[in-house]
Protein backbone atom coordinates (compact mmCIF):
# COMPACT_ATOMS: atom_id res chain seq x y z
CA MET A 1 -0.55 -41.12 -16.09
CA PHE A 2 -3.05 -38.58 -15.52
CA HIS A 3 -3.19 -39.05 -11.77
CA LEU A 4 0.66 -38.78 -11.73
CA LYS A 5 0.45 -35.39 -13.59
CA LEU A 6 -2.41 -34.26 -11.21
CA LEU A 7 -0.14 -35.12 -8.24
CA GLU A 8 2.69 -33.22 -9.61
CA LEU A 9 0.71 -30.13 -10.19
CA GLU A 10 -0.61 -30.29 -6.64
CA SER A 11 2.75 -30.42 -5.27
CA GLU A 12 3.88 -27.67 -7.43
CA LEU A 13 0.99 -25.42 -6.26
CA ILE A 14 1.30 -26.15 -2.68
CA ALA A 15 5.32 -25.45 -3.04
CA LYS A 16 4.49 -22.20 -4.71
CA GLU A 17 2.19 -21.14 -1.90
CA GLN A 18 4.90 -22.29 0.80
CA SER A 19 7.84 -20.32 -1.02
CA GLN A 20 6.00 -17.17 -1.22
CA LYS A 21 5.22 -17.23 2.47
CA GLY A 22 8.88 -17.35 3.07
CA PHE A 23 10.33 -16.45 6.60
CA ALA A 24 10.49 -13.68 8.78
CA VAL A 25 14.09 -14.74 9.33
CA LEU A 26 15.49 -17.39 7.33
CA PRO A 27 16.46 -20.53 9.81
CA ALA A 28 20.25 -21.19 10.28
CA GLU A 29 19.89 -24.71 8.44
CA CYS A 30 18.42 -23.21 5.43
CA LYS A 31 21.23 -20.37 5.43
CA CYS A 32 23.82 -23.29 5.47
CA LEU A 33 22.02 -25.07 2.61
CA LEU A 34 22.06 -21.93 0.55
CA GLN A 35 25.87 -21.13 1.29
CA PHE A 36 26.62 -24.65 0.54
CA THR A 37 24.87 -24.46 -2.77
CA GLU A 38 26.51 -21.37 -3.73
CA LYS A 39 29.89 -22.78 -2.89
CA GLN A 40 29.27 -25.54 -5.12
CA VAL A 41 28.68 -23.23 -8.12
CA GLU A 42 32.08 -21.44 -7.11
CA VAL A 43 31.66 -18.03 -9.07
CA THR A 44 29.43 -15.30 -7.81
CA LEU A 45 27.91 -12.52 -9.84
CA GLY A 46 30.63 -9.71 -9.67
CA GLN A 47 33.62 -11.89 -8.86
CA LYS A 48 37.01 -11.23 -10.38
CA VAL A 49 37.56 -13.95 -13.32
CA PRO A 50 40.01 -14.45 -16.10
CA LYS A 51 39.15 -12.63 -19.26
CA ASP A 52 38.25 -15.58 -21.25
CA TRP A 53 35.95 -17.14 -18.45
CA LYS A 54 32.67 -18.56 -19.28
CA GLY A 55 30.59 -20.62 -17.09
CA TRP A 56 27.99 -21.04 -14.36
CA LEU A 57 27.58 -18.19 -11.90
CA SER A 58 25.29 -17.53 -8.61
CA TYR A 59 23.83 -14.63 -6.82
CA THR A 60 21.44 -14.17 -3.85
CA ARG A 61 18.27 -12.21 -4.48
CA LYS A 62 16.22 -10.83 -1.69
CA GLY A 63 18.54 -12.62 0.97
CA ASP A 64 16.92 -16.03 0.71
CA GLN A 65 16.86 -16.88 -3.01
CA LEU A 66 19.70 -18.14 -4.91
CA ILE A 67 19.82 -17.92 -8.77
CA ILE A 68 21.96 -20.06 -10.73
CA CYS A 69 22.66 -19.18 -14.51
CA ARG A 70 25.16 -18.91 -17.32
CA GLY A 71 27.78 -16.18 -17.09
CA ARG A 72 30.82 -14.85 -18.79
CA ALA A 73 33.64 -12.38 -18.13
CA PHE A 74 33.03 -8.90 -18.67
CA SER A 75 36.09 -6.16 -18.61
CA ASN A 76 35.35 -3.34 -16.19
CA GLY A 77 36.88 -0.01 -17.71
CA SER A 78 40.23 0.39 -19.41
CA PHE A 79 42.39 -2.09 -21.31
CA PHE A 80 44.57 -3.29 -18.25
CA SER A 81 41.43 -3.63 -15.95
CA LYS A 82 39.93 -6.75 -14.16
CA CYS A 83 37.43 -8.64 -15.71
CA LEU A 84 34.42 -9.67 -13.64
CA ALA A 85 31.65 -12.36 -13.87
CA GLY A 86 28.37 -11.20 -15.17
CA LEU A 87 25.23 -12.85 -16.67
CA ASP A 88 25.62 -14.23 -20.15
CA VAL A 89 23.68 -11.26 -22.01
CA PRO A 90 24.98 -8.16 -23.76
CA TYR A 91 24.22 -5.79 -20.77
CA GLY A 92 25.95 -8.42 -18.51
CA LEU A 93 28.26 -5.29 -16.97
CA ASP A 94 25.12 -3.56 -15.98
CA THR A 95 23.81 -6.69 -14.01
CA ILE A 96 27.22 -6.52 -12.09
CA THR A 97 26.87 -2.93 -11.31
CA GLU A 98 22.95 -3.31 -10.28
CA HIS A 99 23.91 -6.32 -8.03
CA GLU A 100 26.76 -4.16 -6.48
CA ARG A 101 24.46 -1.44 -5.60
CA GLY A 102 21.93 -3.61 -3.90
CA PHE A 103 19.37 -3.59 -6.57
CA ASP A 104 17.33 -6.64 -7.35
CA VAL A 105 18.86 -8.48 -10.52
CA THR A 106 16.17 -10.60 -12.30
CA PRO A 107 17.30 -13.19 -14.96
CA PRO A 108 16.37 -12.02 -18.33
CA GLN A 109 13.77 -14.12 -20.07
CA ASP A 110 16.03 -15.51 -22.73
CA LEU A 111 18.55 -16.77 -20.16
CA ASP A 112 17.64 -20.32 -18.66
CA HIS A 113 18.21 -20.46 -14.81
CA LEU A 114 17.53 -22.16 -11.78
CA LEU A 115 16.06 -20.57 -8.56
CA LEU A 116 16.55 -21.99 -5.00
CA ASN A 117 14.51 -20.94 -2.38
CA PHE A 118 12.85 -22.10 0.89
CA GLY A 119 9.08 -22.49 2.24
CA SER A 120 7.65 -22.48 5.64
CA GLY A 121 5.10 -25.44 5.78
CA GLU A 122 5.04 -27.66 8.79
CA LYS A 123 8.77 -27.98 8.30
CA PRO A 124 11.17 -25.80 6.43
CA GLN A 125 11.63 -27.07 2.75
CA VAL A 126 14.04 -26.17 0.08
CA TYR A 127 12.86 -25.72 -3.49
CA LEU A 128 14.64 -25.80 -6.78
CA TRP A 129 12.86 -24.32 -9.82
CA TYR A 130 13.67 -23.99 -13.40
CA GLY A 131 12.89 -20.87 -15.02
CA GLU A 132 12.83 -20.31 -18.96
CA ASN A 133 11.16 -17.52 -21.07
CA LEU A 134 7.85 -16.47 -19.84
CA ALA A 135 6.70 -19.85 -18.74
CA PRO A 136 6.23 -20.02 -15.18
CA TYR A 137 8.89 -21.70 -12.87
CA ARG A 138 8.83 -25.35 -12.96
CA LEU A 139 9.55 -27.37 -9.66
CA ILE A 140 12.33 -29.90 -10.10
CA PHE A 141 13.44 -30.60 -6.56
CA LEU A 142 11.77 -30.54 -3.13
CA SER A 143 12.93 -31.70 0.17
CA ASP A 144 12.62 -31.09 4.04
CA VAL A 145 15.60 -29.15 5.12
CA ALA A 146 15.77 -31.48 8.22
CA ASP A 147 16.35 -34.42 5.75
CA TYR A 148 19.97 -32.98 5.19
CA PRO A 149 19.52 -32.82 1.36
CA TYR A 150 22.99 -31.51 0.48
CA GLU A 151 24.08 -34.34 -1.53
CA ALA A 152 20.49 -34.71 -3.49
CA LEU A 153 20.31 -30.90 -4.06
CA SER A 154 23.79 -30.93 -5.22
CA HIS A 155 22.93 -33.59 -7.75
CA ALA A 156 19.90 -32.00 -8.98
CA VAL A 157 21.65 -28.85 -9.53
CA VAL A 158 24.36 -30.55 -11.80
CA GLU A 159 21.87 -32.48 -13.48
CA ALA A 160 19.71 -29.39 -14.43
CA CYS A 161 23.01 -27.32 -15.50
CA ILE A 162 23.71 -30.26 -17.81
CA TRP A 163 20.10 -30.25 -19.11
CA ILE A 164 20.31 -26.63 -19.79
CA MET A 165 23.42 -27.01 -22.03
CA LYS A 166 22.62 -30.14 -23.76
CA ARG A 167 18.91 -29.18 -23.98
CA PRO A 168 17.41 -32.39 -25.27
CA LYS A 169 14.28 -31.73 -27.51
CA ASP A 170 12.49 -35.02 -26.62
CA MET A 171 12.22 -34.53 -23.03
CA THR A 172 11.45 -32.01 -20.26
CA LEU A 173 13.54 -31.25 -17.53
CA ALA A 174 11.43 -32.85 -14.93
CA ASP A 175 11.58 -36.17 -17.42
CA PHE A 176 15.63 -35.79 -17.63
CA LEU A 177 16.05 -35.39 -13.76
CA ARG A 178 13.70 -38.52 -13.16
CA GLU A 179 15.80 -40.62 -15.55
CA CYS A 180 19.12 -39.59 -14.00
CA GLN A 181 17.67 -40.49 -10.55
CA THR A 182 16.55 -43.80 -11.67
CA LYS A 183 19.91 -44.46 -12.96
CA GLN A 184 21.50 -43.25 -9.82
CA THR A 185 19.24 -45.64 -7.78
CA ASP A 186 20.08 -48.51 -10.43
CA ASP A 187 23.97 -48.09 -9.69
């Protein structure tokens, strides 16, 4: 168990180093994977939504990072105005305005979220991180982009969102995802 935890920590440290290096220009296959994941979530920050909408939304940061978090509808102005998807926080309308103006919108500490980004090691890699409170990001998915990880990444995002909604107290997100992966391979 100790050895497994050390390997997990080491791979997370390597992933953090590689993702911080980034790319001068994001490779086309990485852009496709980013766009695929964004389309899977469907709703983007600032998108027009029904007035009673609550759900998951996504938005890009710094051009090569995708944030996935809970959102809800915010009225933009008068009584008959349109509703837009904003972060599920009291100042959600401000997050929409900041994003539309091109400012970097950082998810608030009290909003659990997922961060998808890429790293430049020997081969381009995709990373999915879980962020909560002040704790550092936890790596929950890692794959080479060349392995065409669309289905596996989509599954990891769905399972992580389910975990965030249920928030089981007896296990971590990494344990939950491992258990889901085990069930999937057994089927």
